[in-house]
Amino acid sequence: MLLPKSRPAIVYKYGSATRVAQIVRDLTFFFAPAAAQNDLYEFRALSLFTENEDTPFRVTAKGLVADGSVRSFEEGLEMAKMLDAQDVRPTYEFVMRQVNEELARAKAHSG
């Protein structure tokens, strides 16, 4: 492996090159428990998800694209909107349950 001739001042946004060298030298690294995370975006993936009355239709459209029933998201959305809101609700609830379970699993095994 080729190493740069000079060390960068910062490795990642929270550690200096000196601190990273110490971590590598001592083979120790601190992982904060998930409950102690203090960064605005840590484990806030759902905050990036905008939900409105069209969300169940969008989720259904993405499913139609994924299973090959339609060629594009736009075509899937058009098809999904032909359905009654109650028809798309079970698919939406199933997907959101899976998303929440995966996020909980990631949070439980991260820190």
C-alpha atoms as a PDB file:
ATOM      1  CA  MET A   1       0.000   0.000   0.000  1.00  0.00           C
ATOM      2  CA  LEU A   2       1.322   3.438  -0.895  1.00  0.00           C
ATOM      3  CA  LEU A   3       1.142   6.024   1.854  1.00  0.00           C
ATOM      4  CA  PRO A   4       1.057   9.750   1.199  1.00  0.00           C
ATOM      5  CA  LYS A   5       4.318  11.587   1.848  1.00  0.00           C
ATOM      6  CA  SER A   6       2.596  13.947   4.264  1.00  0.00           C
ATOM      7  CA  ARG A   7      -0.244  13.352   6.703  1.00  0.00           C
ATOM      8  CA  PRO A   8      -3.460  15.252   6.227  1.00  0.00           C
ATOM      9  CA  ALA A   9      -4.379  17.589   9.080  1.00  0.00           C
ATOM     10  CA  ILE A  10      -7.800  15.980   9.523  1.00  0.00           C
ATOM     11  CA  VAL A  11      -8.972  12.436   8.961  1.00  0.00           C
ATOM     12  CA  TYR A  12     -12.767  12.396   8.757  1.00  0.00           C
ATOM     13  CA  LYS A  13     -14.523  15.414  10.137  1.00  0.00           C
ATOM     14  CA  TYR A  14     -14.170  14.583  13.836  1.00  0.00           C
ATOM     15  CA  GLY A  15     -10.608  13.377  14.217  1.00  0.00           C
ATOM     16  CA  SER A  16      -7.179  14.858  13.767  1.00  0.00           C
ATOM     17  CA  ALA A  17      -4.473  12.836  12.045  1.00  0.00           C
ATOM     18  CA  THR A  18      -2.662  12.619  15.400  1.00  0.00           C
ATOM     19  CA  ARG A  19      -5.756  11.140  17.079  1.00  0.00           C
ATOM     20  CA  VAL A  20      -6.230   8.619  14.266  1.00  0.00           C
ATOM     21  CA  ALA A  21      -2.563   7.605  14.537  1.00  0.00           C
ATOM     22  CA  GLN A  22      -3.071   7.033  18.282  1.00  0.00           C
ATOM     23  CA  ILE A  23      -6.185   4.923  17.617  1.00  0.00           C
ATOM     24  CA  VAL A  24      -4.275   2.775  15.120  1.00  0.00           C
ATOM     25  CA  ARG A  25      -1.230   2.518  17.388  1.00  0.00           C
ATOM     26  CA  ASP A  26      -3.228   1.568  20.508  1.00  0.00           C
ATOM     27  CA  LEU A  27      -5.864  -0.440  18.613  1.00  0.00           C
ATOM     28  CA  THR A  28      -8.594   1.241  20.656  1.00  0.00           C
ATOM     29  CA  PHE A  29     -11.595   3.199  19.547  1.00  0.00           C
ATOM     30  CA  PHE A  30     -14.538   4.503  21.519  1.00  0.00           C
ATOM     31  CA  PHE A  31     -18.043   3.779  20.231  1.00  0.00           C
ATOM     32  CA  ALA A  32     -20.742   5.752  21.998  1.00  0.00           C
ATOM     33  CA  PRO A  33     -23.950   3.876  22.747  1.00  0.00           C
ATOM     34  CA  ALA A  34     -26.775   4.723  20.345  1.00  0.00           C
ATOM     35  CA  ALA A  35     -28.742   6.377  23.162  1.00  0.00           C
ATOM     36  CA  ALA A  36     -25.845   8.791  23.711  1.00  0.00           C
ATOM     37  CA  GLN A  37     -25.555   9.966  20.103  1.00  0.00           C
ATOM     38  CA  ASN A  38     -25.599  13.744  19.950  1.00  0.00           C
ATOM     39  CA  ASP A  39     -25.303  14.505  16.254  1.00  0.00           C
ATOM     40  CA  LEU A  40     -28.407  16.021  14.697  1.00  0.00           C
ATOM     41  CA  TYR A  41     -28.551  13.363  11.946  1.00  0.00           C
ATOM     42  CA  GLU A  42     -27.470  10.222  13.817  1.00  0.00           C
ATOM     43  CA  PHE A  43     -30.203   7.624  13.544  1.00  0.00           C
ATOM     44  CA  ARG A  44     -32.634  10.125  12.113  1.00  0.00           C
ATOM     45  CA  ALA A  45     -33.099   8.431   8.737  1.00  0.00           C
ATOM     46  CA  LEU A  46     -36.871   8.779   8.931  1.00  0.00           C
ATOM     47  CA  SER A  47     -36.465  12.548   9.249  1.00  0.00           C
ATOM     48  CA  LEU A  48     -35.331  12.449   5.602  1.00  0.00           C
ATOM     49  CA  PHE A  49     -38.604  10.774   4.651  1.00  0.00           C
ATOM     50  CA  THR A  50     -41.421  13.164   3.800  1.00  0.00           C
ATOM     51  CA  GLU A  51     -44.848  11.675   4.336  1.00  0.00           C
ATOM     52  CA  ASN A  52     -48.095  13.011   2.898  1.00  0.00           C
ATOM     53  CA  GLU A  53     -51.325  11.681   1.416  1.00  0.00           C
ATOM     54  CA  ASP A  54     -49.457  10.480  -1.709  1.00  0.00           C
ATOM     55  CA  THR A  55     -46.884   8.448   0.226  1.00  0.00           C
ATOM     56  CA  PRO A  56     -48.812   5.133   0.119  1.00  0.00           C
ATOM     57  CA  PHE A  57     -49.202   5.561  -3.656  1.00  0.00           C
ATOM     58  CA  ARG A  58     -45.486   6.336  -4.085  1.00  0.00           C
ATOM     59  CA  VAL A  59     -44.531   3.268  -2.032  1.00  0.00           C
ATOM     60  CA  THR A  60     -46.858   1.110  -4.146  1.00  0.00           C
ATOM     61  CA  ALA A  61     -45.424   2.593  -7.357  1.00  0.00           C
ATOM     62  CA  LYS A  62     -41.877   1.758  -6.259  1.00  0.00           C
ATOM     63  CA  GLY A  63     -43.013  -1.797  -5.553  1.00  0.00           C
ATOM     64  CA  LEU A  64     -44.522  -2.063  -9.029  1.00  0.00           C
ATOM     65  CA  VAL A  65     -41.222  -0.932 -10.551  1.00  0.00           C
ATOM     66  CA  ALA A  66     -39.226  -3.313  -8.343  1.00  0.00           C
ATOM     67  CA  ASP A  67     -41.269  -6.352  -9.308  1.00  0.00           C
ATOM     68  CA  GLY A  68     -41.189  -5.444 -13.003  1.00  0.00           C
ATOM     69  CA  SER A  69     -44.923  -4.757 -13.373  1.00  0.00           C
ATOM     70  CA  VAL A  70     -44.144  -1.314 -14.837  1.00  0.00           C
ATOM     71  CA  ARG A  71     -41.087   0.240 -16.478  1.00  0.00           C
ATOM     72  CA  SER A  72     -40.967   3.575 -14.679  1.00  0.00           C
ATOM     73  CA  PHE A  73     -41.895   5.172 -11.388  1.00  0.00           C
ATOM     74  CA  GLU A  74     -44.203   7.594 -13.198  1.00  0.00           C
ATOM     75  CA  GLU A  75     -46.080   4.697 -14.824  1.00  0.00           C
ATOM     76  CA  GLY A  76     -46.289   2.925 -11.460  1.00  0.00           C
ATOM     77  CA  LEU A  77     -47.576   6.049  -9.725  1.00  0.00           C
ATOM     78  CA  GLU A  78     -50.233   6.515 -12.385  1.00  0.00           C
ATOM     79  CA  MET A  79     -51.307   2.892 -11.953  1.00  0.00           C
ATOM     80  CA  ALA A  80     -51.250   3.108  -8.139  1.00  0.00           C
ATOM     81  CA  LYS A  81     -53.406   6.246  -8.170  1.00  0.00           C
ATOM     82  CA  MET A  82     -56.085   4.329 -10.076  1.00  0.00           C
ATOM     83  CA  LEU A  83     -56.483   2.250  -6.924  1.00  0.00           C
ATOM     84  CA  ASP A  84     -58.437   3.277  -3.870  1.00  0.00           C
ATOM     85  CA  ALA A  85     -56.354   4.584  -0.942  1.00  0.00           C
ATOM     86  CA  GLN A  86     -57.531   1.616   1.137  1.00  0.00           C
ATOM     87  CA  ASP A  87     -56.118  -0.775  -1.502  1.00  0.00           C
ATOM     88  CA  VAL A  88     -52.591   0.619  -1.254  1.00  0.00           C
ATOM     89  CA  ARG A  89     -52.588   1.037   2.528  1.00  0.00           C
ATOM     90  CA  PRO A  90     -51.618  -2.579   3.422  1.00  0.00           C
ATOM     91  CA  THR A  91     -48.563  -2.475   1.128  1.00  0.00           C
ATOM     92  CA  TYR A  92     -47.522   0.884   2.540  1.00  0.00           C
ATOM     93  CA  GLU A  93     -47.907  -0.294   6.146  1.00  0.00           C
ATOM     94  CA  PHE A  94     -45.927  -3.465   5.391  1.00  0.00           C
ATOM     95  CA  VAL A  95     -43.062  -1.488   3.827  1.00  0.00           C
ATOM     96  CA  MET A  96     -42.969   1.047   6.663  1.00  0.00           C
ATOM     97  CA  ARG A  97     -42.925  -1.748   9.248  1.00  0.00           C
ATOM     98  CA  GLN A  98     -39.913  -3.246   7.485  1.00  0.00           C
ATOM     99  CA  VAL A  99     -38.167   0.133   7.248  1.00  0.00           C
ATOM    100  CA  ASN A 100     -38.692   0.781  10.957  1.00  0.00           C
ATOM    101  CA  GLU A 101     -37.488  -2.728  11.896  1.00  0.00           C
ATOM    102  CA  GLU A 102     -34.316  -2.298   9.830  1.00  0.00           C
ATOM    103  CA  LEU A 103     -33.631   1.123  11.329  1.00  0.00           C
ATOM    104  CA  ALA A 104     -34.144  -0.272  14.840  1.00  0.00           C
ATOM    105  CA  ARG A 105     -31.782  -3.163  14.058  1.00  0.00           C
ATOM    106  CA  ALA A 106     -29.145  -0.766  12.724  1.00  0.00           C
ATOM    107  CA  LYS A 107     -29.501   1.449  15.785  1.00  0.00           C
ATOM    108  CA  ALA A 108     -29.217  -1.507  18.146  1.00  0.00           C
ATOM    109  CA  HIS A 109     -25.951  -2.606  16.522  1.00  0.00           C
ATOM    110  CA  SER A 110     -24.357   0.800  16.051  1.00  0.00           C
ATOM    111  CA  GLY A 111     -22.922   3.447  18.206  1.00  0.00           C
END
